[in-house]
N, C-alpha and C. Protein backbone atom coordinates (compact mmCIF):
# COMPACT_ATOMS: atom_id res chain seq x y z
N MET A 1 22.31 141.96 102.74
CA MET A 1 23.02 140.96 102.25
C MET A 1 22.86 140.64 101.09
N GLN A 2 21.90 140.93 100.45
CA GLN A 2 21.38 140.76 98.70
C GLN A 2 22.39 141.41 97.85
N ILE A 3 22.70 143.00 99.00
CA ILE A 3 23.70 143.54 98.03
C ILE A 3 25.85 142.91 97.57
N ARG A 4 25.38 141.74 98.63
CA ARG A 4 26.68 141.88 98.69
C ARG A 4 26.82 140.90 98.16
N ASN A 5 25.78 139.88 97.80
CA ASN A 5 25.90 138.72 97.20
C ASN A 5 25.82 139.37 95.49
N SER A 6 25.08 140.03 95.25
CA SER A 6 25.33 140.38 93.48
C SER A 6 26.41 140.52 93.79
N LYS A 7 27.54 141.41 95.12
CA LYS A 7 28.69 142.42 94.21
C LYS A 7 29.47 141.29 94.00
N SER A 8 29.28 140.27 95.02
CA SER A 8 30.44 138.88 94.70
C SER A 8 30.09 137.78 93.30
N LYS A 9 28.93 137.79 92.98
CA LYS A 9 29.05 137.82 91.83
C LYS A 9 29.15 138.25 90.50
N ILE A 10 29.00 139.65 90.70
CA ILE A 10 29.58 140.38 89.75
C ILE A 10 31.06 140.43 89.56
N GLN A 11 31.78 140.14 90.90
CA GLN A 11 33.47 140.18 90.84
C GLN A 11 33.91 138.54 90.12
N LYS A 12 32.76 137.58 90.90
CA LYS A 12 33.33 136.64 89.89
C LYS A 12 33.34 136.35 88.40
N TYR A 13 31.92 136.96 87.91
CA TYR A 13 32.09 136.75 86.65
C TYR A 13 33.30 138.08 85.92
N ALA A 14 33.37 139.12 86.57
CA ALA A 14 34.74 139.99 86.15
C ALA A 14 36.39 139.09 85.91
N VAL A 15 36.16 138.02 86.95
CA VAL A 15 37.29 137.24 87.22
C VAL A 15 37.48 136.45 86.03
N PHE A 16 36.41 135.49 85.48
CA PHE A 16 35.81 134.98 84.37
C PHE A 16 36.15 135.17 83.56
N ALA A 17 35.50 136.70 83.18
CA ALA A 17 35.40 136.85 81.90
C ALA A 17 36.89 137.53 81.86
N PHE A 18 37.64 138.50 82.73
CA PHE A 18 39.28 138.21 82.39
C PHE A 18 40.14 137.08 82.08
N PHE A 19 39.83 135.99 82.54
CA PHE A 19 40.82 134.60 82.47
C PHE A 19 40.20 134.19 80.58
N LEU A 20 38.95 134.03 80.88
CA LEU A 20 38.29 133.87 79.40
C LEU A 20 39.18 135.01 78.40
N PHE A 21 39.09 135.78 78.62
CA PHE A 21 39.78 137.44 77.45
C PHE A 21 40.97 136.78 77.17
N CYS A 22 42.15 136.80 78.36
CA CYS A 22 43.50 136.22 78.14
C CYS A 22 43.21 135.09 77.40
N PHE A 23 42.71 133.98 78.12
CA PHE A 23 42.57 132.39 76.90
C PHE A 23 42.83 132.62 75.57
N LEU A 24 41.53 133.56 75.13
CA LEU A 24 41.12 133.25 73.93
C LEU A 24 42.12 134.23 73.08
N PHE A 25 42.79 135.42 73.88
CA PHE A 25 43.47 136.28 73.08
C PHE A 25 44.91 135.63 72.80
N LEU A 26 45.24 134.53 73.85
CA LEU A 26 46.56 133.76 73.69
C LEU A 26 46.63 132.91 72.01
N VAL A 27 45.21 132.41 72.86
CA VAL A 27 44.71 130.54 71.55
C VAL A 27 44.58 131.77 70.20
N LEU A 28 43.33 132.54 70.30
CA LEU A 28 43.43 133.01 68.29
C LEU A 28 44.59 133.60 67.80
N GLY A 29 45.95 134.06 68.91
CA GLY A 29 46.88 134.41 68.16
C GLY A 29 48.00 133.42 67.49
N GLN A 30 48.18 132.31 68.58
CA GLN A 30 48.25 130.54 67.91
C GLN A 30 47.35 130.30 66.83
N VAL A 31 46.21 130.22 66.58
CA VAL A 31 45.36 130.23 65.52
C VAL A 31 46.32 130.73 63.97
N LEU A 32 46.26 131.79 64.36
CA LEU A 32 46.34 132.48 63.06
C LEU A 32 47.81 132.69 62.69
N ALA A 33 48.68 131.84 63.99
CA ALA A 33 49.89 132.08 63.68
C ALA A 33 50.41 131.07 62.91
N THR A 34 49.28 129.96 63.18
CA THR A 34 49.79 128.57 62.77
C THR A 34 49.12 127.88 61.63
N ASP A 35 49.89 127.28 60.38
CA ASP A 35 49.61 126.62 59.36
C ASP A 35 48.77 125.35 59.41
N LEU A 36 47.96 125.95 59.74
CA LEU A 36 47.07 123.58 60.16
C LEU A 36 46.90 123.28 58.64
N ILE A 37 46.08 123.74 57.47
CA ILE A 37 46.28 123.42 56.42
C ILE A 37 47.29 123.21 55.54
N PRO A 38 48.17 122.49 55.06
CA PRO A 38 49.36 122.09 54.67
C PRO A 38 49.21 122.51 53.17
N CYS A 39 48.28 122.55 51.74
CA CYS A 39 48.04 122.90 50.88
C CYS A 39 47.07 123.98 50.77
N GLY A 40 46.63 124.29 49.08
CA GLY A 40 46.06 124.91 48.35
C GLY A 40 46.38 126.58 48.33
N LYS A 41 47.78 126.61 48.58
CA LYS A 41 48.20 128.00 48.54
C LYS A 41 48.53 128.25 46.63
N ALA A 42 48.66 129.23 46.11
CA ALA A 42 49.56 129.44 44.53
C ALA A 42 50.54 127.95 44.56
N ASN A 43 49.96 127.40 43.64
CA ASN A 43 50.77 126.30 42.47
C ASN A 43 51.35 125.51 44.11
N ASP A 44 50.13 125.05 44.81
CA ASP A 44 50.18 123.90 45.77
C ASP A 44 49.08 123.13 46.17
N PRO A 45 48.10 122.28 44.72
CA PRO A 45 47.20 122.00 44.59
C PRO A 45 47.41 121.03 45.86
N CYS A 46 45.89 120.59 46.40
CA CYS A 46 45.78 119.45 47.76
C CYS A 46 45.56 118.25 46.94
N GLN A 47 46.80 117.18 47.96
CA GLN A 47 46.45 115.77 46.85
C GLN A 47 45.78 115.06 48.70
N LEU A 48 45.48 113.64 48.10
CA LEU A 48 45.12 112.86 49.07
C LEU A 48 45.72 112.44 50.44
N CYS A 49 46.61 112.75 50.65
CA CYS A 49 47.38 112.48 51.99
C CYS A 49 47.79 114.11 52.74
N ASP A 50 47.33 115.20 51.63
CA ASP A 50 46.98 116.25 52.73
C ASP A 50 46.13 116.07 54.22
N ILE A 51 45.13 115.01 53.42
CA ILE A 51 44.13 114.94 54.25
C ILE A 51 44.81 114.73 55.59
N LEU A 52 45.44 113.68 55.55
CA LEU A 52 46.38 112.90 56.75
C LEU A 52 46.96 113.59 57.06
N VAL A 53 48.14 115.12 56.86
CA VAL A 53 48.91 116.05 57.47
C VAL A 53 47.91 116.87 58.29
N LEU A 54 46.89 117.51 57.37
CA LEU A 54 45.75 117.88 58.36
C LEU A 54 45.51 117.79 59.68
N PHE A 55 44.64 116.28 59.17
CA PHE A 55 44.45 115.31 60.66
C PHE A 55 45.59 115.74 61.66
N GLN A 56 46.82 115.38 61.12
CA GLN A 56 48.02 115.49 62.28
C GLN A 56 48.56 117.02 63.10
N ASN A 57 48.01 118.06 61.86
CA ASN A 57 48.06 119.45 62.40
C ASN A 57 47.04 119.78 63.76
N LEU A 58 46.04 119.60 62.96
CA LEU A 58 44.71 119.66 63.98
C LEU A 58 45.05 118.91 65.43
N ILE A 59 45.68 117.69 65.35
CA ILE A 59 45.86 116.80 66.69
C ILE A 59 46.95 117.36 67.71
N ASN A 60 48.36 118.09 66.83
CA ASN A 60 49.39 118.73 67.62
C ASN A 60 49.18 119.69 67.73
N PHE A 61 48.07 120.30 66.98
CA PHE A 61 47.39 121.72 67.70
C PHE A 61 46.79 121.88 68.79
N VAL A 62 45.95 120.77 68.81
CA VAL A 62 44.73 120.73 70.31
C VAL A 62 46.13 120.66 71.52
N LEU A 63 47.21 119.26 71.07
CA LEU A 63 47.83 118.98 72.12
C LEU A 63 48.59 119.29 72.98
N PHE A 64 48.96 120.48 72.20
CA PHE A 64 50.67 120.91 72.54
C PHE A 64 50.28 122.65 72.24
N THR A 65 49.09 123.07 71.60
CA THR A 65 48.98 124.66 71.93
C THR A 65 47.52 124.71 73.14
N ILE A 66 46.73 123.59 72.45
CA ILE A 66 45.17 124.10 73.65
C ILE A 66 44.84 123.67 74.28
N VAL A 67 45.57 121.95 75.04
CA VAL A 67 45.66 122.15 76.05
C VAL A 67 46.25 122.18 77.07
N PRO A 68 47.58 122.89 77.00
CA PRO A 68 48.25 123.39 78.29
C PRO A 68 47.56 124.82 78.72
N PRO A 69 47.30 125.82 77.48
CA PRO A 69 47.02 127.11 78.24
C PRO A 69 45.10 126.94 79.29
N ILE A 70 44.69 125.44 78.59
CA ILE A 70 43.22 125.41 79.32
C ILE A 70 43.62 124.32 80.90
N ALA A 71 44.90 124.10 80.46
CA ALA A 71 45.04 123.38 82.18
C ALA A 71 45.83 124.21 82.92
N ALA A 72 46.37 124.80 82.21
CA ALA A 72 47.78 125.93 83.17
C ALA A 72 46.32 126.72 84.09
N LEU A 73 45.37 127.48 83.22
CA LEU A 73 43.77 128.04 83.19
C LEU A 73 43.30 127.36 84.73
N PHE A 74 42.71 126.40 84.21
CA PHE A 74 41.72 126.01 85.41
C PHE A 74 43.05 125.27 86.85
N LEU A 75 44.24 125.29 86.47
CA LEU A 75 45.52 124.82 88.16
C LEU A 75 45.65 126.25 88.40
N ALA A 76 45.71 127.07 87.78
CA ALA A 76 45.33 128.76 88.87
C ALA A 76 44.30 128.57 89.23
N ILE A 77 43.26 128.25 88.07
CA ILE A 77 41.82 128.77 89.26
C ILE A 77 41.73 127.91 90.34
N GLY A 78 41.75 126.21 89.69
CA GLY A 78 41.87 125.65 91.43
C GLY A 78 42.57 126.32 92.47
N GLY A 79 43.75 126.35 92.17
CA GLY A 79 44.87 127.22 93.17
C GLY A 79 44.17 128.34 94.31
N ILE A 80 43.65 129.20 93.01
CA ILE A 80 42.67 130.67 93.91
C ILE A 80 41.76 130.16 94.50
N MET A 81 41.32 128.99 93.84
CA MET A 81 40.11 128.32 94.94
C MET A 81 40.20 127.79 96.01
N PHE A 82 41.36 126.85 96.07
CA PHE A 82 41.90 126.46 97.52
C PHE A 82 42.45 127.95 98.13
N PHE A 83 42.97 128.40 97.81
CA PHE A 83 43.54 129.73 98.88
C PHE A 83 42.65 130.05 99.40
N PHE A 84 41.40 130.91 98.45
CA PHE A 84 40.41 131.34 98.74
C PHE A 84 39.39 130.72 99.63
N SER A 85 39.54 129.67 100.39
CA SER A 85 38.54 128.72 100.57
C SER A 85 38.27 129.15 101.96
N GLY A 86 39.08 129.77 102.80
CA GLY A 86 38.74 130.04 103.86
C GLY A 86 38.48 129.26 104.46
N GLY A 87 38.87 127.60 104.46
CA GLY A 87 38.06 126.86 105.47
C GLY A 87 37.08 126.25 105.43
N ASN A 88 36.37 126.53 104.14
CA ASN A 88 35.21 125.92 104.12
C ASN A 88 35.37 124.69 103.48
N PRO A 89 34.77 123.56 103.95
CA PRO A 89 35.20 122.25 103.18
C PRO A 89 34.31 122.19 102.17
N LYS A 90 33.35 122.66 101.66
CA LYS A 90 32.22 123.03 100.16
C LYS A 90 33.72 123.59 99.74
N ASN A 91 34.18 124.44 99.29
CA ASN A 91 35.18 124.90 98.80
C ASN A 91 35.98 124.44 98.58
N LEU A 92 36.55 123.99 99.69
CA LEU A 92 37.84 123.46 99.88
C LEU A 92 38.04 122.18 98.77
N GLN A 93 36.95 121.47 98.79
CA GLN A 93 36.78 120.07 98.22
C GLN A 93 36.49 120.30 96.93
N THR A 94 35.73 121.44 96.28
CA THR A 94 35.30 121.89 95.05
C THR A 94 37.13 122.36 94.05
N ALA A 95 37.80 123.23 95.15
CA ALA A 95 39.16 123.03 94.75
C ALA A 95 40.03 122.17 94.58
N LYS A 96 39.95 121.31 95.35
CA LYS A 96 40.48 119.83 95.13
C LYS A 96 40.16 118.73 94.30
N GLY A 97 38.69 118.94 94.11
CA GLY A 97 38.40 118.07 92.76
C GLY A 97 38.94 118.53 91.25
N LEU A 98 38.70 119.77 91.43
CA LEU A 98 39.22 120.41 90.01
C LEU A 98 40.77 120.26 89.80
N LEU A 99 41.35 120.65 91.38
CA LEU A 99 42.91 120.35 90.75
C LEU A 99 43.45 118.88 90.47
N THR A 100 42.22 117.55 90.85
CA THR A 100 42.57 116.33 90.91
C THR A 100 42.21 116.00 89.10
N SER A 101 41.08 116.70 88.61
CA SER A 101 40.45 116.46 87.50
C SER A 101 41.39 117.00 86.66
N VAL A 102 42.37 117.71 86.68
CA VAL A 102 43.29 118.51 85.97
C VAL A 102 44.00 117.74 85.62
N GLY A 103 44.68 116.94 86.87
CA GLY A 103 45.83 116.07 86.21
C GLY A 103 45.26 114.63 86.23
N ILE A 104 44.43 114.16 86.55
CA ILE A 104 43.91 112.98 85.87
C ILE A 104 43.56 113.13 84.26
N GLY A 105 43.24 114.14 83.82
CA GLY A 105 42.46 114.54 82.29
C GLY A 105 44.25 115.16 81.61
N LEU A 106 44.99 115.14 82.13
CA LEU A 106 46.81 115.61 81.82
C LEU A 106 47.15 113.91 81.16
N ILE A 107 47.07 113.12 82.06
CA ILE A 107 47.98 112.08 82.51
C ILE A 107 47.10 111.11 81.23
N ILE A 108 45.72 111.14 80.95
CA ILE A 108 45.12 110.25 80.14
C ILE A 108 45.30 110.77 78.57
N VAL A 109 45.14 112.33 78.21
CA VAL A 109 45.76 112.78 77.51
C VAL A 109 46.91 112.55 77.04
N TYR A 110 48.31 112.84 77.37
CA TYR A 110 49.62 112.71 77.47
C TYR A 110 49.72 111.27 77.31
N GLY A 111 49.05 110.11 78.23
CA GLY A 111 49.27 109.02 78.83
C GLY A 111 48.71 108.18 77.71
N ALA A 112 47.85 108.34 76.56
CA ALA A 112 47.89 107.67 75.78
C ALA A 112 48.67 107.52 74.32
N TRP A 113 49.34 108.56 74.59
CA TRP A 113 50.47 108.56 72.91
C TRP A 113 51.52 107.91 73.78
N VAL A 114 51.53 107.74 74.71
CA VAL A 114 52.89 107.06 75.52
C VAL A 114 52.12 105.95 75.40
N PHE A 115 51.26 105.56 75.87
CA PHE A 115 51.00 104.10 75.42
C PHE A 115 50.88 103.20 74.41
N VAL A 116 50.38 103.70 72.88
CA VAL A 116 50.24 103.43 71.79
C VAL A 116 51.75 103.44 71.65
N ASN A 117 52.42 104.49 71.36
CA ASN A 117 54.06 104.42 71.31
C ASN A 117 54.76 103.02 71.82
N THR A 118 54.20 102.69 72.86
CA THR A 118 54.92 101.67 73.67
C THR A 118 54.84 100.31 73.08
N PHE A 119 53.75 100.25 72.49
CA PHE A 119 52.71 99.17 72.05
C PHE A 119 53.34 98.73 70.79
N PHE A 120 53.79 99.54 69.84
CA PHE A 120 53.96 99.49 68.87
C PHE A 120 55.55 99.27 68.83
N MET A 121 56.30 99.59 69.64
CA MET A 121 57.75 99.09 70.05
C MET A 121 57.46 97.93 70.48
N LEU A 122 57.00 97.71 71.27
CA LEU A 122 56.95 96.20 72.38
C LEU A 122 56.59 94.85 71.14
N ILE A 123 55.12 95.50 70.23
CA ILE A 123 55.33 94.21 69.41
C ILE A 123 56.25 94.10 68.45
N GLY A 124 56.92 94.96 67.79
CA GLY A 124 57.87 95.14 67.40
C GLY A 124 57.58 95.51 65.53
N LEU A 125 56.06 96.23 65.62
CA LEU A 125 55.58 96.39 64.67
C LEU A 125 55.93 97.10 63.43
N SER A 126 57.44 97.75 63.60
CA SER A 126 58.25 98.87 63.75
C SER A 126 59.14 98.30 62.79
N ARG A 127 59.36 97.40 62.65
CA ARG A 127 60.25 96.36 62.36
C ARG A 127 59.77 95.53 61.92
N ALA A 128 58.49 94.86 61.59
CA ALA A 128 57.88 93.32 61.06
C ALA A 128 57.40 94.06 59.73
N VAL A 129 56.86 95.05 59.46
CA VAL A 129 55.89 95.22 58.38
C VAL A 129 55.94 96.83 57.82
N ASP A 130 56.41 96.77 56.53
CA ASP A 130 57.38 97.96 56.13
C ASP A 130 56.20 98.58 55.14
N PHE A 131 55.41 99.97 55.68
CA PHE A 131 54.12 100.59 55.32
C PHE A 131 54.78 101.36 54.49
N GLY A 132 55.73 101.91 53.75
CA GLY A 132 56.54 102.68 53.04
C GLY A 132 56.80 104.21 53.54
N PHE A 133 57.41 104.35 55.54
CA PHE A 133 57.66 105.03 55.70
C PHE A 133 57.81 103.97 57.32
N ASP A 134 58.62 104.97 58.15
CA ASP A 134 59.20 104.43 59.16
C ASP A 134 58.16 104.32 60.20
N LEU A 135 57.78 103.37 60.85
CA LEU A 135 56.84 103.00 61.74
C LEU A 135 56.99 103.57 63.13
N ARG A 136 58.39 103.87 63.15
CA ARG A 136 58.60 104.16 64.59
C ARG A 136 58.18 105.26 64.88
N GLN A 137 58.11 106.17 64.06
CA GLN A 137 57.55 107.87 63.85
C GLN A 137 56.22 107.76 63.47
N TRP A 138 55.35 106.24 64.19
CA TRP A 138 53.93 106.45 63.56
C TRP A 138 53.14 107.70 63.21
N TRP A 139 53.69 108.97 64.47
CA TRP A 139 52.90 110.14 64.32
C TRP A 139 52.55 110.91 63.44
N LYS A 140 53.99 110.61 62.73
CA LYS A 140 54.10 111.95 61.44
C LYS A 140 53.79 111.26 60.65
N PHE A 141 52.88 112.19 59.11
CA PHE A 141 52.90 111.20 57.99
C PHE A 141 53.63 112.23 57.23
N PRO A 142 54.23 111.09 56.16
CA PRO A 142 54.83 111.82 55.06
C PRO A 142 53.55 111.79 53.48
N CYS A 143 54.20 113.04 53.55
CA CYS A 143 53.45 113.40 52.21
C CYS A 143 54.36 114.17 51.27
N PRO A 144 54.40 113.43 50.06
CA PRO A 144 55.68 113.92 49.19
C PRO A 144 54.63 115.44 48.35
């Protein structure tokens, strides 16, 4: 019995390491391919507005490059746990909890953007105040 438990743990760690390696490989490739810092290259000194553009780039990178693969990874893990639960109520409950948590997390992350955008449009802030840029696209920072 002791040998079977240690073999099961090794298999779990191997599957986890495989998924982690695949995830890191994909994300690190995206990090290297993305220009997060908008300035500092030859003949392009940094300005104050570049901080806002950097902040925007980081948010976009996290929301559209990091979150979807993490969500897909946890959905896959939850689905595998659900499939291989074998009718064990504890494992089934864990898998359902993981799948529910991923769904709620995605709703919170992307629903916040929808909420803020809808709020700005409903109060008419985009037409009432001139901030020097189009507030209907509040998520974009213009930098000359």
